Amino acid sequence: MNLKGVITEGFARALAKTLIRANQGHSIPVDVELEKMEPPKYLYHGTGEKYRESIDKEGLIPKSRLYVHLSSDIETAIIVGSRHGKPVVYRVWTEKMKNEGFDFYKVV
């Protein structure tokens, strides 16, 4: 599978308790202060069925975003995929990717 740039699940954090800053989903270069992590054996990517053909052909790629977003469990990936129609979940074998030089980051 082709993954370019990987990030695990996360949402947003409060800055100075008055501001909210997105820490994922950026489409422009920005320092999102990601923490490099040792991934579990598998992570999951949830998407809509309408994207299956493209992913099967091209692999998981960030497209206009900075990273491919992965979830630590199938349930979360299903929820994410449901936002795009009928959900499809891809299981990502992280050990193989890590051995091929990919880095994994966790939103802090």
Protein backbone atom coordinates (compact mmCIF):
# COMPACT_ATOMS: atom_id res chain seq x y z
CA MET A 1 0.00 0.00 0.00
CA ASN A 2 1.24 3.48 -0.80
CA LEU A 3 1.07 5.88 2.16
CA LYS A 4 2.78 9.22 2.06
CA GLY A 5 2.83 11.06 5.37
CA VAL A 6 0.98 9.38 8.23
CA ILE A 7 -0.79 10.76 11.26
CA THR A 8 -2.91 8.99 13.83
CA GLU A 9 -6.19 10.19 15.26
CA GLY A 10 -6.56 13.51 17.06
CA PHE A 11 -8.80 16.53 17.12
CA ALA A 12 -7.93 19.99 18.42
CA ARG A 13 -6.36 21.51 21.47
CA ALA A 14 -6.96 24.69 23.39
CA LEU A 15 -4.23 27.31 23.28
CA ALA A 16 -4.15 29.78 26.13
CA LYS A 17 -7.59 28.35 27.07
CA THR A 18 -9.28 30.79 24.69
CA LEU A 19 -8.23 29.67 21.22
CA ILE A 20 -8.71 26.43 19.37
CA ARG A 21 -6.18 25.29 16.84
CA ALA A 22 -6.74 22.46 14.39
CA ASN A 23 -4.00 19.90 14.70
CA GLN A 24 -4.93 17.80 11.68
CA GLY A 25 -6.54 18.21 8.29
CA HIS A 26 -4.33 21.09 7.19
CA SER A 27 -3.93 21.59 3.48
CA ILE A 28 -1.16 24.19 3.77
CA PRO A 29 2.29 23.72 5.31
CA VAL A 30 2.03 24.41 9.04
CA ASP A 31 3.89 23.14 12.09
CA VAL A 32 1.26 20.99 13.77
CA GLU A 33 3.68 19.95 16.53
CA LEU A 34 3.31 16.23 15.96
CA GLU A 35 4.97 13.70 18.22
CA LYS A 36 6.74 10.82 16.46
CA MET A 37 5.39 7.52 17.77
CA GLU A 38 5.93 3.80 17.69
CA PRO A 39 2.75 2.55 16.00
CA PRO A 40 0.75 -0.52 17.00
CA LYS A 41 0.88 -3.50 14.61
CA TYR A 42 -2.15 -2.21 12.68
CA LEU A 43 -3.86 1.15 12.21
CA TYR A 44 -7.05 1.83 10.24
CA HIS A 45 -8.12 4.31 7.59
CA GLY A 46 -11.83 5.05 7.29
CA THR A 47 -13.21 6.49 4.07
CA GLY A 48 -16.32 6.39 1.90
CA GLU A 49 -17.06 3.64 -0.60
CA LYS A 50 -16.94 6.22 -3.40
CA TYR A 51 -13.16 6.53 -2.81
CA ARG A 52 -12.40 2.79 -2.80
CA GLU A 53 -11.51 2.51 -6.50
CA SER A 54 -9.10 5.45 -6.30
CA ILE A 55 -7.42 4.14 -3.13
CA ASP A 56 -7.14 0.63 -4.54
CA LYS A 57 -5.44 2.10 -7.62
CA GLU A 58 -3.25 4.85 -6.08
CA GLY A 59 -2.91 3.76 -2.46
CA LEU A 60 -3.61 5.95 0.55
CA ILE A 61 -2.21 9.39 -0.28
CA PRO A 62 -2.77 12.70 1.51
CA LYS A 63 -3.99 14.44 -1.69
CA SER A 64 -4.41 18.12 -0.67
CA ARG A 65 -3.66 17.47 3.01
CA LEU A 66 -0.30 17.11 4.73
CA TYR A 67 -0.80 13.57 6.04
CA VAL A 68 -2.93 10.45 5.73
CA HIS A 69 -5.05 10.17 8.86
CA LEU A 70 -5.27 6.80 10.57
CA SER A 71 -7.27 5.56 13.55
CA SER A 72 -6.16 3.19 16.26
CA ASP A 73 -9.37 1.15 16.12
CA ILE A 74 -11.89 -0.04 13.55
CA GLU A 75 -14.85 1.61 15.29
CA THR A 76 -13.33 5.09 14.94
CA ALA A 77 -12.39 4.40 11.32
CA ILE A 78 -16.01 3.41 10.59
CA ILE A 79 -17.25 6.67 12.11
CA VAL A 80 -14.75 8.65 10.03
CA GLY A 81 -15.70 6.73 6.87
CA SER A 82 -19.40 7.28 7.54
CA ARG A 83 -18.91 11.01 7.04
CA HIS A 84 -18.26 10.19 3.37
CA GLY A 85 -21.20 7.86 2.74
CA LYS A 86 -21.08 4.09 3.12
CA PRO A 87 -17.91 3.43 5.14
CA VAL A 88 -14.93 1.40 3.95
CA VAL A 89 -12.05 0.64 6.33
CA TYR A 90 -8.49 -0.18 5.27
CA ARG A 91 -6.20 -1.98 7.71
CA VAL A 92 -2.63 -0.65 7.54
CA TRP A 93 0.24 -2.99 8.45
CA THR A 94 2.47 -0.48 10.18
CA GLU A 95 5.48 -2.72 10.81
CA LYS A 96 6.02 -3.22 7.08
CA MET A 97 5.72 0.52 6.47
CA LYS A 98 8.07 1.35 9.32
CA ASN A 99 10.62 -1.08 7.88
CA GLU A 100 10.26 0.76 4.55
CA GLY A 101 11.16 4.08 6.19
CA PHE A 102 7.77 5.59 6.99
CA ASP A 103 7.36 7.67 10.16
CA PHE A 104 4.23 7.73 12.28
CA TYR A 105 3.06 10.69 14.31
CA LYS A 106 0.48 11.11 17.05
CA VAL A 107 -1.46 14.28 17.59
CA VAL A 108 -0.61 15.65 21.02
